[in-house]
Amino acid sequence: TLVREYELLRIKQGESIFDFQKCFTHLINHLIDFGRKFEKEELNLKVLQCLDKSWQTKMIAIEESKDLTSMNLATLFGKLREHEQKLHIFEENEL
């Protein structure tokens, strides 16, 4: 079911934040269509919980510095994509 899919959702190894955002948004929109309601904080926490351990430092920084009750998903995903781009640049410079 969609609820179970939501509960088990995690970012896949090697999946980009952009691709994860599409999957997450698609799933949330289906749940909303079936009457499920979400608070901003719940969705933001869910996104952060779906990330793997390589994101732990960024997750903690976002949780400590931002108000997850008022941040919208677009802002959160924007911050994650920005961090992902910085990581790619750093990795390219190491080569």
N, C-alpha and C. Protein backbone atom coordinates (compact mmCIF):
# COMPACT_ATOMS: atom_id res chain seq x y z
N THR A 1 0.83 -1.20 0.00
CA THR A 1 0.00 0.00 0.00
C THR A 1 0.88 1.26 0.00
N LEU A 2 0.26 2.38 -0.28
CA LEU A 2 1.00 3.64 -0.30
C LEU A 2 1.54 4.01 1.08
N VAL A 3 0.75 3.73 2.12
CA VAL A 3 1.19 4.05 3.48
C VAL A 3 2.45 3.26 3.82
N ARG A 4 2.44 2.00 3.48
CA ARG A 4 3.61 1.14 3.74
C ARG A 4 4.82 1.62 2.94
N GLU A 5 4.58 2.00 1.70
CA GLU A 5 5.66 2.53 0.86
C GLU A 5 6.25 3.80 1.49
N TYR A 6 5.37 4.65 2.04
CA TYR A 6 5.82 5.88 2.72
C TYR A 6 6.67 5.52 3.94
N GLU A 7 6.20 4.56 4.72
CA GLU A 7 6.91 4.17 5.93
C GLU A 7 8.29 3.61 5.63
N LEU A 8 8.43 2.87 4.54
CA LEU A 8 9.68 2.20 4.20
C LEU A 8 10.59 3.01 3.28
N LEU A 9 10.14 4.16 2.84
CA LEU A 9 10.88 4.95 1.86
C LEU A 9 12.26 5.35 2.39
N ARG A 10 13.27 5.12 1.57
CA ARG A 10 14.65 5.53 1.85
C ARG A 10 15.30 5.91 0.53
N ILE A 11 16.30 6.77 0.61
CA ILE A 11 17.05 7.10 -0.60
C ILE A 11 17.87 5.88 -0.99
N LYS A 12 17.93 5.61 -2.27
CA LYS A 12 18.67 4.45 -2.76
C LYS A 12 20.14 4.81 -2.92
N GLN A 13 20.99 3.82 -2.79
CA GLN A 13 22.43 4.01 -2.98
C GLN A 13 22.67 4.63 -4.36
N GLY A 14 23.36 5.75 -4.41
CA GLY A 14 23.68 6.41 -5.66
C GLY A 14 22.57 7.27 -6.24
N GLU A 15 21.41 7.29 -5.61
CA GLU A 15 20.29 8.09 -6.11
C GLU A 15 20.54 9.57 -5.82
N SER A 16 20.27 10.42 -6.78
CA SER A 16 20.45 11.86 -6.58
C SER A 16 19.30 12.42 -5.75
N ILE A 17 19.55 13.56 -5.13
CA ILE A 17 18.50 14.23 -4.37
C ILE A 17 17.36 14.62 -5.30
N PHE A 18 17.68 15.05 -6.51
CA PHE A 18 16.65 15.41 -7.49
C PHE A 18 15.73 14.22 -7.76
N ASP A 19 16.30 13.05 -8.01
CA ASP A 19 15.49 11.86 -8.29
C ASP A 19 14.70 11.42 -7.06
N PHE A 20 15.32 11.52 -5.88
CA PHE A 20 14.60 11.17 -4.66
C PHE A 20 13.44 12.14 -4.43
N GLN A 21 13.66 13.42 -4.70
CA GLN A 21 12.60 14.42 -4.55
C GLN A 21 11.41 14.08 -5.44
N LYS A 22 11.66 13.69 -6.68
CA LYS A 22 10.57 13.31 -7.59
C LYS A 22 9.78 12.14 -7.02
N CYS A 23 10.48 11.12 -6.55
CA CYS A 23 9.83 9.93 -5.98
C CYS A 23 9.02 10.30 -4.74
N PHE A 24 9.63 11.07 -3.84
CA PHE A 24 9.00 11.48 -2.59
C PHE A 24 7.74 12.30 -2.88
N THR A 25 7.86 13.28 -3.75
CA THR A 25 6.74 14.16 -4.08
C THR A 25 5.60 13.37 -4.72
N HIS A 26 5.93 12.47 -5.61
CA HIS A 26 4.93 11.62 -6.26
C HIS A 26 4.15 10.81 -5.22
N LEU A 27 4.88 10.20 -4.29
CA LEU A 27 4.24 9.40 -3.25
C LEU A 27 3.37 10.26 -2.34
N ILE A 28 3.88 11.40 -1.91
CA ILE A 28 3.12 12.29 -1.03
C ILE A 28 1.85 12.78 -1.73
N ASN A 29 1.96 13.14 -2.99
CA ASN A 29 0.78 13.60 -3.74
C ASN A 29 -0.29 12.52 -3.83
N HIS A 30 0.11 11.28 -4.02
CA HIS A 30 -0.86 10.18 -4.04
C HIS A 30 -1.54 10.02 -2.68
N LEU A 31 -0.76 10.10 -1.61
CA LEU A 31 -1.33 9.98 -0.27
C LEU A 31 -2.30 11.13 0.01
N ILE A 32 -1.96 12.33 -0.41
CA ILE A 32 -2.85 13.48 -0.23
C ILE A 32 -4.14 13.28 -1.02
N ASP A 33 -4.02 12.74 -2.23
CA ASP A 33 -5.21 12.45 -3.04
C ASP A 33 -6.17 11.51 -2.32
N PHE A 34 -5.62 10.63 -1.48
CA PHE A 34 -6.45 9.68 -0.73
C PHE A 34 -6.84 10.20 0.65
N GLY A 35 -6.61 11.50 0.90
CA GLY A 35 -7.09 12.13 2.12
C GLY A 35 -6.08 12.25 3.25
N ARG A 36 -4.87 11.79 3.05
CA ARG A 36 -3.84 11.90 4.10
C ARG A 36 -3.39 13.35 4.19
N LYS A 37 -3.29 13.87 5.41
CA LYS A 37 -2.83 15.23 5.64
C LYS A 37 -1.45 15.19 6.28
N PHE A 38 -0.61 16.14 5.91
CA PHE A 38 0.75 16.22 6.43
C PHE A 38 1.04 17.62 6.92
N GLU A 39 1.74 17.71 8.03
CA GLU A 39 2.29 18.97 8.50
C GLU A 39 3.67 19.14 7.86
N LYS A 40 4.10 20.39 7.71
CA LYS A 40 5.43 20.66 7.12
C LYS A 40 6.52 19.92 7.89
N GLU A 41 6.46 20.00 9.22
CA GLU A 41 7.50 19.39 10.03
C GLU A 41 7.57 17.88 9.80
N GLU A 42 6.42 17.23 9.71
CA GLU A 42 6.39 15.78 9.48
C GLU A 42 7.08 15.42 8.16
N LEU A 43 6.76 16.16 7.11
CA LEU A 43 7.37 15.89 5.81
C LEU A 43 8.87 16.17 5.82
N ASN A 44 9.26 17.27 6.44
CA ASN A 44 10.68 17.61 6.52
C ASN A 44 11.46 16.56 7.29
N LEU A 45 10.93 16.12 8.42
CA LEU A 45 11.60 15.08 9.19
C LEU A 45 11.66 13.77 8.42
N LYS A 46 10.60 13.45 7.69
CA LYS A 46 10.59 12.23 6.89
C LYS A 46 11.68 12.26 5.84
N VAL A 47 11.82 13.40 5.15
CA VAL A 47 12.88 13.52 4.15
C VAL A 47 14.24 13.28 4.79
N LEU A 48 14.50 13.92 5.91
CA LEU A 48 15.79 13.77 6.57
C LEU A 48 16.02 12.33 7.04
N GLN A 49 14.97 11.68 7.50
CA GLN A 49 15.09 10.29 7.95
C GLN A 49 15.33 9.32 6.79
N CYS A 50 14.96 9.71 5.60
CA CYS A 50 15.13 8.85 4.42
C CYS A 50 16.57 8.86 3.90
N LEU A 51 17.36 9.82 4.33
CA LEU A 51 18.72 9.94 3.84
C LEU A 51 19.62 8.90 4.51
N ASP A 52 20.70 8.52 3.82
CA ASP A 52 21.61 7.54 4.41
C ASP A 52 22.65 8.24 5.29
N LYS A 53 23.52 7.44 5.89
CA LYS A 53 24.47 7.97 6.88
C LYS A 53 25.43 9.01 6.31
N SER A 54 25.67 8.96 5.01
CA SER A 54 26.59 9.94 4.41
C SER A 54 26.05 11.37 4.52
N TRP A 55 24.77 11.50 4.79
CA TRP A 55 24.13 12.81 4.93
C TRP A 55 24.00 13.25 6.38
N GLN A 56 24.49 12.47 7.32
CA GLN A 56 24.25 12.71 8.74
C GLN A 56 24.67 14.12 9.19
N THR A 57 25.84 14.57 8.77
CA THR A 57 26.32 15.89 9.19
C THR A 57 25.39 16.99 8.70
N LYS A 58 24.98 16.90 7.43
CA LYS A 58 24.07 17.91 6.87
C LYS A 58 22.71 17.85 7.54
N MET A 59 22.23 16.63 7.82
CA MET A 59 20.94 16.47 8.49
C MET A 59 20.94 17.17 9.84
N ILE A 60 21.99 16.95 10.61
CA ILE A 60 22.09 17.56 11.93
C ILE A 60 22.14 19.08 11.81
N ALA A 61 22.92 19.58 10.86
CA ALA A 61 23.03 21.03 10.67
C ALA A 61 21.67 21.64 10.33
N ILE A 62 20.92 21.00 9.46
CA ILE A 62 19.60 21.51 9.09
C ILE A 62 18.66 21.46 10.28
N GLU A 63 18.65 20.34 10.99
CA GLU A 63 17.75 20.20 12.15
C GLU A 63 18.05 21.24 13.21
N GLU A 64 19.33 21.54 13.43
CA GLU A 64 19.71 22.47 14.50
C GLU A 64 19.54 23.94 14.10
N SER A 65 19.69 24.24 12.82
CA SER A 65 19.69 25.64 12.42
C SER A 65 18.37 26.13 11.83
N LYS A 66 17.51 25.25 11.43
CA LYS A 66 16.29 25.66 10.74
C LYS A 66 15.05 25.22 11.52
N ASP A 67 13.99 25.98 11.35
CA ASP A 67 12.71 25.63 11.95
C ASP A 67 11.96 24.73 10.99
N LEU A 68 11.96 23.44 11.28
CA LEU A 68 11.35 22.47 10.38
C LEU A 68 9.83 22.58 10.35
N THR A 69 9.25 23.33 11.29
CA THR A 69 7.79 23.50 11.28
C THR A 69 7.35 24.51 10.22
N SER A 70 8.24 25.40 9.82
CA SER A 70 7.85 26.43 8.85
C SER A 70 8.55 26.29 7.50
N MET A 71 9.63 25.52 7.45
CA MET A 71 10.35 25.34 6.18
C MET A 71 9.51 24.51 5.22
N ASN A 72 9.42 24.96 3.97
CA ASN A 72 8.68 24.15 3.00
C ASN A 72 9.62 23.13 2.35
N LEU A 73 9.03 22.13 1.72
CA LEU A 73 9.81 21.04 1.14
C LEU A 73 10.75 21.53 0.04
N ALA A 74 10.32 22.50 -0.74
CA ALA A 74 11.16 23.02 -1.82
C ALA A 74 12.46 23.60 -1.26
N THR A 75 12.36 24.30 -0.14
CA THR A 75 13.54 24.88 0.49
C THR A 75 14.46 23.78 1.01
N LEU A 76 13.88 22.80 1.68
CA LEU A 76 14.68 21.70 2.21
C LEU A 76 15.40 20.95 1.08
N PHE A 77 14.67 20.58 0.05
CA PHE A 77 15.30 19.87 -1.06
C PHE A 77 16.34 20.75 -1.75
N GLY A 78 16.10 22.05 -1.81
CA GLY A 78 17.08 22.97 -2.39
C GLY A 78 18.38 22.95 -1.61
N LYS A 79 18.29 22.95 -0.29
CA LYS A 79 19.49 22.89 0.55
C LYS A 79 20.22 21.57 0.35
N LEU A 80 19.47 20.49 0.23
CA LEU A 80 20.09 19.18 0.03
C LEU A 80 20.76 19.08 -1.35
N ARG A 81 20.12 19.62 -2.38
CA ARG A 81 20.73 19.60 -3.72
C ARG A 81 21.99 20.46 -3.75
N GLU A 82 21.95 21.59 -3.07
CA GLU A 82 23.12 22.47 -3.00
C GLU A 82 24.29 21.74 -2.34
N HIS A 83 24.01 21.05 -1.26
CA HIS A 83 25.05 20.29 -0.56
C HIS A 83 25.58 19.17 -1.45
N GLU A 84 24.69 18.50 -2.15
CA GLU A 84 25.08 17.41 -3.06
C GLU A 84 26.02 17.95 -4.15
N GLN A 85 25.71 19.11 -4.70
CA GLN A 85 26.57 19.72 -5.72
C GLN A 85 27.95 20.04 -5.16
N LYS A 86 27.99 20.56 -3.94
CA LYS A 86 29.28 20.86 -3.31
C LYS A 86 30.09 19.60 -3.11
N LEU A 87 29.44 18.51 -2.73
CA LEU A 87 30.14 17.24 -2.56
C LEU A 87 30.72 16.75 -3.88
N HIS A 88 29.96 16.88 -4.96
CA HIS A 88 30.44 16.45 -6.28
C HIS A 88 31.65 17.28 -6.71
N ILE A 89 31.60 18.58 -6.47
CA ILE A 89 32.73 19.45 -6.82
C ILE A 89 33.95 19.06 -6.01
N PHE A 90 33.76 18.80 -4.72
CA PHE A 90 34.86 18.40 -3.86
C PHE A 90 35.47 17.09 -4.34
N GLU A 91 34.62 16.12 -4.69
CA GLU A 91 35.10 14.82 -5.17
C GLU A 91 35.86 14.97 -6.49
N GLU A 92 35.38 15.82 -7.38
CA GLU A 92 36.05 16.04 -8.66
C GLU A 92 37.42 16.68 -8.47
N ASN A 93 37.53 17.58 -7.51
CA ASN A 93 38.80 18.24 -7.25
C ASN A 93 39.82 17.31 -6.61
N GLU A 94 39.35 16.25 -5.97
CA GLU A 94 40.26 15.28 -5.36
C GLU A 94 40.90 14.37 -6.40
N LEU A 95 40.26 14.24 -7.55
CA LEU A 95 40.77 13.33 -8.59
C LEU A 95 41.95 13.87 -9.28
